[in-house]
Amino acid sequence: MNTNQMEALIGMTATLGILVLLILPSVIGLVRERHIDRQIREAQEAREEVPAQKSSSRSTVPSTATWYAEGRRSKKLVNS
């Protein structure tokens, strides 16, 4: 290999390395999102399999997560 070919090889390797570094966080995020989606789906399926529980006499207050999710849903409906 002569000098020009060696420089081209180094340049291509560096370019591919930079490309991998730029794409890697997106791929990791997608894998993580799919994992979370799978957990949510399994939890919903497990919840559907549980028989209905008797309602208690005390009143229930929605959790912060429920309140936040409902707020997000209503914002989506308003914005669309």
C-alpha atoms as a PDB file:
ATOM      1  CA  MET A   1       0.000   0.000   0.000  1.00  0.00           C
ATOM      2  CA  ASN A   2       1.259   3.410  -0.816  1.00  0.00           C
ATOM      3  CA  THR A   3       0.776   6.579   1.253  1.00  0.00           C
ATOM      4  CA  ASN A   4      -2.357   7.735  -0.560  1.00  0.00           C
ATOM      5  CA  GLN A   5      -4.122   4.426  -0.018  1.00  0.00           C
ATOM      6  CA  MET A   6      -3.122   4.417   3.662  1.00  0.00           C
ATOM      7  CA  GLU A   7      -4.482   7.947   4.165  1.00  0.00           C
ATOM      8  CA  ALA A   8      -7.727   6.992   2.445  1.00  0.00           C
ATOM      9  CA  LEU A   9      -8.086   3.924   4.678  1.00  0.00           C
ATOM     10  CA  ILE A  10      -7.463   5.999   7.806  1.00  0.00           C
ATOM     11  CA  GLY A  11      -9.957   8.616   6.628  1.00  0.00           C
ATOM     12  CA  MET A  12     -12.671   6.040   5.919  1.00  0.00           C
ATOM     13  CA  THR A  13     -12.075   4.356   9.281  1.00  0.00           C
ATOM     14  CA  ALA A  14     -12.307   7.690  11.093  1.00  0.00           C
ATOM     15  CA  THR A  15     -15.487   8.601   9.205  1.00  0.00           C
ATOM     16  CA  LEU A  16     -17.122   5.272  10.015  1.00  0.00           C
ATOM     17  CA  GLY A  17     -16.076   5.644  13.657  1.00  0.00           C
ATOM     18  CA  ILE A  18     -17.677   9.079  13.895  1.00  0.00           C
ATOM     19  CA  LEU A  19     -20.820   7.774  12.182  1.00  0.00           C
ATOM     20  CA  VAL A  20     -21.077   4.928  14.706  1.00  0.00           C
ATOM     21  CA  LEU A  21     -20.633   7.370  17.607  1.00  0.00           C
ATOM     22  CA  LEU A  22     -23.435   9.560  16.247  1.00  0.00           C
ATOM     23  CA  ILE A  23     -25.877   6.684  15.621  1.00  0.00           C
ATOM     24  CA  LEU A  24     -25.157   4.651  18.768  1.00  0.00           C
ATOM     25  CA  PRO A  25     -27.173   6.805  21.252  1.00  0.00           C
ATOM     26  CA  SER A  26     -30.243   6.646  19.002  1.00  0.00           C
ATOM     27  CA  VAL A  27     -30.032   2.877  18.705  1.00  0.00           C
ATOM     28  CA  ILE A  28     -29.585   2.496  22.471  1.00  0.00           C
ATOM     29  CA  GLY A  29     -32.615   4.754  23.033  1.00  0.00           C
ATOM     30  CA  LEU A  30     -34.771   2.743  20.635  1.00  0.00           C
ATOM     31  CA  VAL A  31     -33.830  -0.524  22.315  1.00  0.00           C
ATOM     32  CA  ARG A  32     -34.590   0.954  25.730  1.00  0.00           C
ATOM     33  CA  GLU A  33     -37.967   2.299  24.551  1.00  0.00           C
ATOM     34  CA  ARG A  34     -38.949  -1.092  23.131  1.00  0.00           C
ATOM     35  CA  HIS A  35     -37.976  -2.720  26.420  1.00  0.00           C
ATOM     36  CA  ILE A  36     -40.125  -0.245  28.378  1.00  0.00           C
ATOM     37  CA  ASP A  37     -43.037  -0.725  25.956  1.00  0.00           C
ATOM     38  CA  ARG A  38     -42.771  -4.483  26.430  1.00  0.00           C
ATOM     39  CA  GLN A  39     -42.851  -4.068  30.228  1.00  0.00           C
ATOM     40  CA  ILE A  40     -45.927  -1.828  30.008  1.00  0.00           C
ATOM     41  CA  ARG A  41     -47.698  -4.281  27.712  1.00  0.00           C
ATOM     42  CA  GLU A  42     -46.936  -7.199  30.063  1.00  0.00           C
ATOM     43  CA  ALA A  43     -48.180  -5.205  33.064  1.00  0.00           C
ATOM     44  CA  GLN A  44     -51.433  -4.346  31.249  1.00  0.00           C
ATOM     45  CA  GLU A  45     -51.959  -7.977  30.292  1.00  0.00           C
ATOM     46  CA  ALA A  46     -51.301  -9.066  33.874  1.00  0.00           C
ATOM     47  CA  ARG A  47     -53.761  -6.439  35.141  1.00  0.00           C
ATOM     48  CA  GLU A  48     -56.445  -7.729  32.761  1.00  0.00           C
ATOM     49  CA  GLU A  49     -55.950 -11.287  34.025  1.00  0.00           C
ATOM     50  CA  VAL A  50     -56.504 -10.297  37.682  1.00  0.00           C
ATOM     51  CA  PRO A  51     -60.178 -10.656  38.659  1.00  0.00           C
ATOM     52  CA  ALA A  52     -62.064  -7.521  39.658  1.00  0.00           C
ATOM     53  CA  GLN A  53     -61.367  -6.516  43.244  1.00  0.00           C
ATOM     54  CA  LYS A  54     -64.071  -5.484  45.663  1.00  0.00           C
ATOM     55  CA  SER A  55     -64.340  -1.753  46.027  1.00  0.00           C
ATOM     56  CA  SER A  56     -63.398  -0.428  49.429  1.00  0.00           C
ATOM     57  CA  SER A  57     -65.529   1.946  51.443  1.00  0.00           C
ATOM     58  CA  ARG A  58     -62.818   4.600  51.593  1.00  0.00           C
ATOM     59  CA  SER A  59     -62.398   7.020  48.750  1.00  0.00           C
ATOM     60  CA  THR A  60     -59.348   6.681  46.563  1.00  0.00           C
ATOM     61  CA  VAL A  61     -57.200   9.537  45.383  1.00  0.00           C
ATOM     62  CA  PRO A  62     -55.429   9.117  42.037  1.00  0.00           C
ATOM     63  CA  SER A  63     -51.689   8.867  42.221  1.00  0.00           C
ATOM     64  CA  THR A  64     -49.429  11.600  40.922  1.00  0.00           C
ATOM     65  CA  ALA A  65     -48.532   9.444  37.914  1.00  0.00           C
ATOM     66  CA  THR A  66     -52.222   9.047  37.004  1.00  0.00           C
ATOM     67  CA  TRP A  67     -52.849  12.758  37.402  1.00  0.00           C
ATOM     68  CA  TYR A  68     -49.821  13.580  35.222  1.00  0.00           C
ATOM     69  CA  ALA A  69     -50.822  11.083  32.502  1.00  0.00           C
ATOM     70  CA  GLU A  70     -54.381  12.431  32.366  1.00  0.00           C
ATOM     71  CA  GLY A  71     -53.040  15.966  32.095  1.00  0.00           C
ATOM     72  CA  ARG A  72     -50.806  14.944  29.205  1.00  0.00           C
ATOM     73  CA  ARG A  73     -53.735  13.267  27.435  1.00  0.00           C
ATOM     74  CA  SER A  74     -55.931  16.332  27.776  1.00  0.00           C
ATOM     75  CA  LYS A  75     -53.154  18.571  26.429  1.00  0.00           C
ATOM     76  CA  LYS A  76     -52.808  16.297  23.404  1.00  0.00           C
ATOM     77  CA  LEU A  77     -56.529  16.541  22.723  1.00  0.00           C
ATOM     78  CA  VAL A  78     -56.453  20.333  23.006  1.00  0.00           C
ATOM     79  CA  ASN A  79     -53.388  20.671  20.776  1.00  0.00           C
ATOM     80  CA  SER A  80     -54.705  18.398  18.013  1.00  0.00           C
END
